[in-house]
């Protein structure tokens, strides 16, 4: 029982340190900077892509001023 608890504690302690075996970005600062800029540009374009998919980028046919549609 003691070994099981010790193994569970070790596993729990190691779970926070587990990451990708290969780093996602280069170790060279110049290349890493370029990779981070490309990644941030891709994330910035998501909003425009979302608007294009949902047709939110098309012009509105509504009048710019609110109009009362009822009879006064």
PDB file of N, CA and C in Angstrom:
ATOM      1  N   UNK A   1       0.834  -1.192   0.000  1.00  0.00           N
ATOM      2  CA  UNK A   1       0.000   0.000   0.000  1.00  0.00           C
ATOM      3  C   UNK A   1       0.874   1.250   0.000  1.00  0.00           C
ATOM      4  N   UNK A   2       1.962   1.183   0.770  1.00  0.00           N
ATOM      5  CA  UNK A   2       2.868   2.320   0.857  1.00  0.00           C
ATOM      6  C   UNK A   2       3.516   2.600  -0.502  1.00  0.00           C
ATOM      7  N   UNK A   3       3.858   1.537  -1.230  1.00  0.00           N
ATOM      8  CA  UNK A   3       4.462   1.695  -2.562  1.00  0.00           C
ATOM      9  C   UNK A   3       3.469   2.316  -3.539  1.00  0.00           C
ATOM     10  N   UNK A   4       2.230   1.937  -3.439  1.00  0.00           N
ATOM     11  CA  UNK A   4       1.194   2.475  -4.324  1.00  0.00           C
ATOM     12  C   UNK A   4       0.999   3.971  -4.081  1.00  0.00           C
ATOM     13  N   UNK A   5       0.959   4.361  -2.829  1.00  0.00           N
ATOM     14  CA  UNK A   5       0.812   5.786  -2.499  1.00  0.00           C
ATOM     15  C   UNK A   5       2.045   6.562  -2.944  1.00  0.00           C
ATOM     16  N   UNK A   6       3.234   5.983  -2.737  1.00  0.00           N
ATOM     17  CA  UNK A   6       4.461   6.641  -3.182  1.00  0.00           C
ATOM     18  C   UNK A   6       4.496   6.781  -4.703  1.00  0.00           C
ATOM     19  N   UNK A   7       4.077   5.757  -5.423  1.00  0.00           N
ATOM     20  CA  UNK A   7       4.045   5.810  -6.887  1.00  0.00           C
ATOM     21  C   UNK A   7       3.040   6.845  -7.369  1.00  0.00           C
ATOM     22  N   UNK A   8       1.889   6.919  -6.691  1.00  0.00           N
ATOM     23  CA  UNK A   8       0.882   7.918  -7.075  1.00  0.00           C
ATOM     24  C   UNK A   8       1.395   9.335  -6.838  1.00  0.00           C
ATOM     25  N   UNK A   9       2.102   9.554  -5.719  1.00  0.00           N
ATOM     26  CA  UNK A   9       2.670  10.880  -5.435  1.00  0.00           C
ATOM     27  C   UNK A   9       3.744  11.253  -6.451  1.00  0.00           C
ATOM     28  N   UNK A  10       4.579  10.293  -6.808  1.00  0.00           N
ATOM     29  CA  UNK A  10       5.614  10.553  -7.823  1.00  0.00           C
ATOM     30  C   UNK A  10       4.991  10.853  -9.168  1.00  0.00           C
ATOM     31  N   UNK A  11       3.972  10.102  -9.526  1.00  0.00           N
ATOM     32  CA  UNK A  11       3.291  10.328 -10.791  1.00  0.00           C
ATOM     33  C   UNK A  11       2.617  11.695 -10.814  1.00  0.00           C
ATOM     34  N   UNK A  12       2.013  12.070  -9.712  1.00  0.00           N
ATOM     35  CA  UNK A  12       1.371  13.377  -9.617  1.00  0.00           C
ATOM     36  C   UNK A  12       2.389  14.509  -9.705  1.00  0.00           C
ATOM     37  N   UNK A  13       3.555  14.317  -9.087  1.00  0.00           N
ATOM     38  CA  UNK A  13       4.604  15.345  -9.143  1.00  0.00           C
ATOM     39  C   UNK A  13       5.187  15.477 -10.547  1.00  0.00           C
ATOM     40  N   UNK A  14       5.274  14.374 -11.262  1.00  0.00           N
ATOM     41  CA  UNK A  14       5.846  14.399 -12.611  1.00  0.00           C
ATOM     42  C   UNK A  14       4.856  14.884 -13.663  1.00  0.00           C
ATOM     43  N   UNK A  15       3.569  14.809 -13.383  1.00  0.00           N
ATOM     44  CA  UNK A  15       2.571  15.220 -14.383  1.00  0.00           C
ATOM     45  C   UNK A  15       2.678  16.700 -14.730  1.00  0.00           C
ATOM     46  N   UNK A  16       3.060  17.519 -13.799  1.00  0.00           N
ATOM     47  CA  UNK A  16       3.202  18.949 -14.076  1.00  0.00           C
ATOM     48  C   UNK A  16       4.402  19.268 -14.938  1.00  0.00           C
ATOM     49  N   UNK A  17       5.385  18.379 -14.973  1.00  0.00           N
ATOM     50  CA  UNK A  17       6.598  18.618 -15.741  1.00  0.00           C
ATOM     51  C   UNK A  17       6.562  17.978 -17.121  1.00  0.00           C
ATOM     52  N   UNK A  18       5.527  17.236 -17.407  1.00  0.00           N
ATOM     53  CA  UNK A  18       5.459  16.557 -18.694  1.00  0.00           C
ATOM     54  C   UNK A  18       5.072  17.567 -19.759  1.00  0.00           C
ATOM     55  N   UNK A  19       5.829  17.589 -20.813  1.00  0.00           N
ATOM     56  CA  UNK A  19       5.530  18.466 -21.926  1.00  0.00           C
ATOM     57  C   UNK A  19       5.851  17.750 -23.213  1.00  0.00           C
ATOM     58  N   UNK A  20       5.918  18.515 -24.251  1.00  0.00           N
ATOM     59  CA  UNK A  20       6.256  17.945 -25.540  1.00  0.00           C
ATOM     60  C   UNK A  20       7.739  17.583 -25.539  1.00  0.00           C
ATOM     61  N   UNK A  21       8.065  16.437 -26.104  1.00  0.00           N
ATOM     62  CA  UNK A  21       9.467  16.037 -26.149  1.00  0.00           C
ATOM     63  C   UNK A  21      10.266  16.933 -27.083  1.00  0.00           C
ATOM     64  N   UNK A  22       9.637  17.384 -28.140  1.00  0.00           N
ATOM     65  CA  UNK A  22      10.281  18.302 -29.069  1.00  0.00           C
ATOM     66  C   UNK A  22       9.684  19.690 -28.868  1.00  0.00           C
ATOM     67  N   UNK A  23      10.506  20.710 -28.678  1.00  0.00           N
ATOM     68  CA  UNK A  23       9.956  22.052 -28.477  1.00  0.00           C
ATOM     69  C   UNK A  23       9.266  22.555 -29.739  1.00  0.00           C
ATOM     70  N   UNK A  24       8.236  23.367 -29.551  1.00  0.00           N
ATOM     71  CA  UNK A  24       7.463  23.854 -30.684  1.00  0.00           C
ATOM     72  C   UNK A  24       8.216  24.965 -31.425  1.00  0.00           C
ATOM     73  N   UNK A  25       9.048  25.715 -30.719  1.00  0.00           N
ATOM     74  CA  UNK A  25       9.783  26.813 -31.336  1.00  0.00           C
ATOM     75  C   UNK A  25      11.282  26.518 -31.318  1.00  0.00           C
ATOM     76  N   UNK A  26      11.998  27.157 -32.204  1.00  0.00           N
ATOM     77  CA  UNK A  26      13.435  26.960 -32.332  1.00  0.00           C
ATOM     78  C   UNK A  26      14.178  27.539 -31.130  1.00  0.00           C
ATOM     79  N   UNK A  27      15.395  27.074 -30.909  1.00  0.00           N
ATOM     80  CA  UNK A  27      16.228  27.592 -29.835  1.00  0.00           C
ATOM     81  C   UNK A  27      16.953  28.868 -30.229  1.00  0.00           C
ATOM     82  N   UNK A  28      17.092  29.115 -31.530  1.00  0.00           N
ATOM     83  CA  UNK A  28      17.748  30.331 -32.011  1.00  0.00           C
ATOM     84  C   UNK A  28      16.802  31.520 -31.818  1.00  0.00           C
ATOM     85  N   UNK A  29      17.236  32.589 -31.119  1.00  0.00           N
ATOM     86  CA  UNK A  29      16.331  33.709 -30.836  1.00  0.00           C
ATOM     87  C   UNK A  29      15.772  34.384 -32.090  1.00  0.00           C
ATOM     88  N   UNK A  30      16.553  34.498 -33.141  1.00  0.00           N
ATOM     89  CA  UNK A  30      16.067  35.165 -34.354  1.00  0.00           C
ATOM     90  C   UNK A  30      14.974  34.340 -35.029  1.00  0.00           C
ATOM     91  N   UNK A  31      15.210  33.039 -35.127  1.00  0.00           N
ATOM     92  CA  UNK A  31      14.208  32.166 -35.755  1.00  0.00           C
ATOM     93  C   UNK A  31      12.976  32.063 -34.871  1.00  0.00           C
ATOM     94  N   UNK A  32      13.181  31.975 -33.553  1.00  0.00           N
ATOM     95  CA  UNK A  32      12.048  31.882 -32.625  1.00  0.00           C
ATOM     96  C   UNK A  32      11.184  33.140 -32.695  1.00  0.00           C
ATOM     97  N   UNK A  33      11.818  34.310 -32.808  1.00  0.00           N
ATOM     98  CA  UNK A  33      11.063  35.561 -32.920  1.00  0.00           C
ATOM     99  C   UNK A  33      10.210  35.555 -34.177  1.00  0.00           C
ATOM    100  N   UNK A  34      10.790  35.119 -35.293  1.00  0.00           N
ATOM    101  CA  UNK A  34      10.039  35.064 -36.542  1.00  0.00           C
ATOM    102  C   UNK A  34       8.874  34.085 -36.420  1.00  0.00           C
ATOM    103  N   UNK A  35       9.102  32.933 -35.774  1.00  0.00           N
ATOM    104  CA  UNK A  35       8.031  31.954 -35.593  1.00  0.00           C
ATOM    105  C   UNK A  35       6.915  32.514 -34.718  1.00  0.00           C
ATOM    106  N   UNK A  36       7.271  33.242 -33.665  1.00  0.00           N
ATOM    107  CA  UNK A  36       6.256  33.825 -32.787  1.00  0.00           C
ATOM    108  C   UNK A  36       5.460  34.907 -33.501  1.00  0.00           C
ATOM    109  N   UNK A  37       6.115  35.675 -34.349  1.00  0.00           N
ATOM    110  CA  UNK A  37       5.401  36.709 -35.124  1.00  0.00           C
ATOM    111  C   UNK A  37       4.421  36.047 -36.084  1.00  0.00           C
ATOM    112  N   UNK A  38       4.854  34.987 -36.762  1.00  0.00           N
ATOM    113  CA  UNK A  38       3.954  34.286 -37.674  1.00  0.00           C
ATOM    114  C   UNK A  38       2.760  33.712 -36.920  1.00  0.00           C
ATOM    115  N   UNK A  39       2.998  33.148 -35.751  1.00  0.00           N
ATOM    116  CA  UNK A  39       1.910  32.575 -34.960  1.00  0.00           C
ATOM    117  C   UNK A  39       0.924  33.651 -34.524  1.00  0.00           C
ATOM    118  N   UNK A  40       1.432  34.798 -34.067  1.00  0.00           N
ATOM    119  CA  UNK A  40       0.529  35.857 -33.614  1.00  0.00           C
ATOM    120  C   UNK A  40      -0.249  36.439 -34.784  1.00  0.00           C
ATOM    121  N   UNK A  41       0.359  36.522 -35.968  1.00  0.00           N
ATOM    122  CA  UNK A  41      -0.365  37.008 -37.143  1.00  0.00           C
ATOM    123  C   UNK A  41      -1.482  36.038 -37.516  1.00  0.00           C
ATOM    124  N   UNK A  42      -1.214  34.736 -37.404  1.00  0.00           N
ATOM    125  CA  UNK A  42      -2.248  33.754 -37.703  1.00  0.00           C
ATOM    126  C   UNK A  42      -3.413  33.900 -36.738  1.00  0.00           C
ATOM    127  N   UNK A  43      -3.122  34.118 -35.458  1.00  0.00           N
ATOM    128  CA  UNK A  43      -4.185  34.271 -34.478  1.00  0.00           C
ATOM    129  C   UNK A  43      -4.967  35.557 -34.700  1.00  0.00           C
ATOM    130  N   UNK A  44      -4.299  36.583 -35.213  1.00  0.00           N
ATOM    131  CA  UNK A  44      -4.980  37.848 -35.466  1.00  0.00           C
ATOM    132  C   UNK A  44      -5.933  37.728 -36.650  1.00  0.00           C
ATOM    133  N   UNK A  45      -5.643  36.841 -37.577  1.00  0.00           N
ATOM    134  CA  UNK A  45      -6.466  36.672 -38.770  1.00  0.00           C
ATOM    135  C   UNK A  45      -7.713  35.830 -38.501  1.00  0.00           C
ATOM    136  N   UNK A  46      -7.769  35.187 -37.341  1.00  0.00           N
ATOM    137  CA  UNK A  46      -8.920  34.326 -37.044  1.00  0.00           C
ATOM    138  C   UNK A  46     -10.213  35.127 -37.043  1.00  0.00           C
ATOM    139  N   UNK A  47     -10.187  36.338 -36.518  1.00  0.00           N
ATOM    140  CA  UNK A  47     -11.400  37.159 -36.443  1.00  0.00           C
ATOM    141  C   UNK A  47     -11.929  37.483 -37.837  1.00  0.00           C
ATOM    142  N   UNK A  48     -11.045  37.854 -38.756  1.00  0.00           N
ATOM    143  CA  UNK A  48     -11.476  38.150 -40.114  1.00  0.00           C
ATOM    144  C   UNK A  48     -12.001  36.903 -40.810  1.00  0.00           C
ATOM    145  N   UNK A  49     -11.372  35.778 -40.565  1.00  0.00           N
ATOM    146  CA  UNK A  49     -11.829  34.525 -41.162  1.00  0.00           C
ATOM    147  C   UNK A  49     -13.210  34.156 -40.622  1.00  0.00           C
ATOM    148  N   UNK A  50     -13.428  34.352 -39.332  1.00  0.00           N
ATOM    149  CA  UNK A  50     -14.724  34.061 -38.711  1.00  0.00           C
ATOM    150  C   UNK A  50     -15.820  34.934 -39.313  1.00  0.00           C
ATOM    151  N   UNK A  51     -15.525  36.227 -39.505  1.00  0.00           N
ATOM    152  CA  UNK A  51     -16.515  37.125 -40.098  1.00  0.00           C
ATOM    153  C   UNK A  51     -16.804  36.734 -41.542  1.00  0.00           C
ATOM    154  N   UNK A  52     -15.799  36.280 -42.262  1.00  0.00           N
ATOM    155  CA  UNK A  52     -16.011  35.868 -43.643  1.00  0.00           C
ATOM    156  C   UNK A  52     -16.876  34.606 -43.704  1.00  0.00           C
ATOM    157  N   UNK A  53     -16.647  33.661 -42.792  1.00  0.00           N
ATOM    158  CA  UNK A  53     -17.423  32.415 -42.786  1.00  0.00           C
ATOM    159  C   UNK A  53     -18.889  32.698 -42.482  1.00  0.00           C
ATOM    160  N   UNK A  54     -19.163  33.581 -41.532  1.00  0.00           N
ATOM    161  CA  UNK A  54     -20.533  33.870 -41.114  1.00  0.00           C
ATOM    162  C   UNK A  54     -21.137  35.036 -41.877  1.00  0.00           C
ATOM    163  N   UNK A  55     -20.482  35.482 -42.949  1.00  0.00           N
ATOM    164  CA  UNK A  55     -20.965  36.567 -43.804  1.00  0.00           C
ATOM    165  C   UNK A  55     -21.196  37.858 -43.026  1.00  0.00           C
ATOM    166  N   UNK A  56     -20.371  38.116 -42.039  1.00  0.00           N
ATOM    167  CA  UNK A  56     -20.477  39.349 -41.275  1.00  0.00           C
ATOM    168  C   UNK A  56     -19.700  40.479 -41.926  1.00  0.00           C
ATOM    169  N   UNK A  57     -18.887  40.152 -42.923  1.00  0.00           N
ATOM    170  CA  UNK A  57     -18.083  41.178 -43.578  1.00  0.00           C
ATOM    171  C   UNK A  57     -18.823  41.822 -44.746  1.00  0.00           C
ATOM    172  N   UNK A  58     -20.026  41.345 -45.068  1.00  0.00           N
ATOM    173  CA  UNK A  58     -20.784  41.948 -46.159  1.00  0.00           C
ATOM    174  C   UNK A  58     -21.464  43.224 -45.665  1.00  0.00           C
ATOM    175  N   UNK A  59     -21.742  44.155 -46.574  1.00  0.00           N
ATOM    176  CA  UNK A  59     -22.341  45.423 -46.132  1.00  0.00           C
ATOM    177  C   UNK A  59     -23.764  45.219 -45.614  1.00  0.00           C
ATOM    178  N   UNK A  60     -24.148  46.069 -44.693  1.00  0.00           N
ATOM    179  CA  UNK A  60     -25.480  45.997 -44.107  1.00  0.00           C
ATOM    180  C   UNK A  60     -26.466  46.757 -44.996  1.00  0.00           C
ATOM    181  N   UNK A  61     -27.664  46.225 -45.129  1.00  0.00           N
ATOM    182  CA  UNK A  61     -28.696  46.885 -45.924  1.00  0.00           C
ATOM    183  C   UNK A  61     -29.632  47.707 -45.042  1.00  0.00           C
ATOM    184  N   UNK A  62     -29.327  47.772 -43.773  1.00  0.00           N
ATOM    185  CA  UNK A  62     -30.144  48.561 -42.858  1.00  0.00           C
ATOM    186  C   UNK A  62     -29.768  50.025 -42.956  1.00  0.00           C
ATOM    187  N   UNK A  63     -30.708  50.886 -42.638  1.00  0.00           N
ATOM    188  CA  UNK A  63     -30.402  52.322 -42.671  1.00  0.00           C
ATOM    189  C   UNK A  63     -29.547  52.668 -41.451  1.00  0.00           C
ATOM    190  N   UNK A  64     -28.662  53.650 -41.592  1.00  0.00           N
ATOM    191  CA  UNK A  64     -27.811  53.998 -40.465  1.00  0.00           C
ATOM    192  C   UNK A  64     -28.575  54.629 -39.306  1.00  0.00           C
ATOM    193  N   UNK A  65     -29.731  55.262 -39.580  1.00  0.00           N
ATOM    194  CA  UNK A  65     -30.531  55.887 -38.523  1.00  0.00           C
ATOM    195  C   UNK A  65     -31.703  54.973 -38.192  1.00  0.00           C
ATOM    196  N   UNK A  66     -32.070  54.927 -36.943  1.00  0.00           N
ATOM    197  CA  UNK A  66     -33.213  54.115 -36.557  1.00  0.00           C
ATOM    198  C   UNK A  66     -34.484  54.739 -37.080  1.00  0.00           C
ATOM    199  N   UNK A  67     -35.324  53.916 -37.632  1.00  0.00           N
ATOM    200  CA  UNK A  67     -36.587  54.388 -38.234  1.00  0.00           C
ATOM    201  C   UNK A  67     -37.723  53.718 -37.492  1.00  0.00           C
ATOM    202  N   UNK A  68     -38.708  54.499 -37.129  1.00  0.00           N
ATOM    203  CA  UNK A  68     -39.888  53.946 -36.480  1.00  0.00           C
ATOM    204  C   UNK A  68     -40.777  53.338 -37.561  1.00  0.00           C
ATOM    205  N   UNK A  69     -41.060  52.078 -37.460  1.00  0.00           N
ATOM    206  CA  UNK A  69     -41.799  51.402 -38.513  1.00  0.00           C
ATOM    207  C   UNK A  69     -43.292  51.415 -38.319  1.00  0.00           C
ATOM    208  N   UNK A  70     -43.770  51.874 -37.184  1.00  0.00           N
ATOM    209  CA  UNK A  70     -45.197  51.865 -36.918  1.00  0.00           C
ATOM    210  C   UNK A  70     -45.874  53.170 -37.291  1.00  0.00           C
ATOM    211  N   UNK A  71     -47.164  53.191 -37.196  1.00  0.00           N
ATOM    212  CA  UNK A  71     -47.947  54.394 -37.476  1.00  0.00           C
ATOM    213  C   UNK A  71     -48.085  55.170 -36.178  1.00  0.00           C
ATOM    214  N   UNK A  72     -47.773  56.431 -36.254  1.00  0.00           N
ATOM    215  CA  UNK A  72     -47.832  57.266 -35.033  1.00  0.00           C
ATOM    216  C   UNK A  72     -49.180  57.913 -34.913  1.00  0.00           C
TER     217      UNK A  72
END
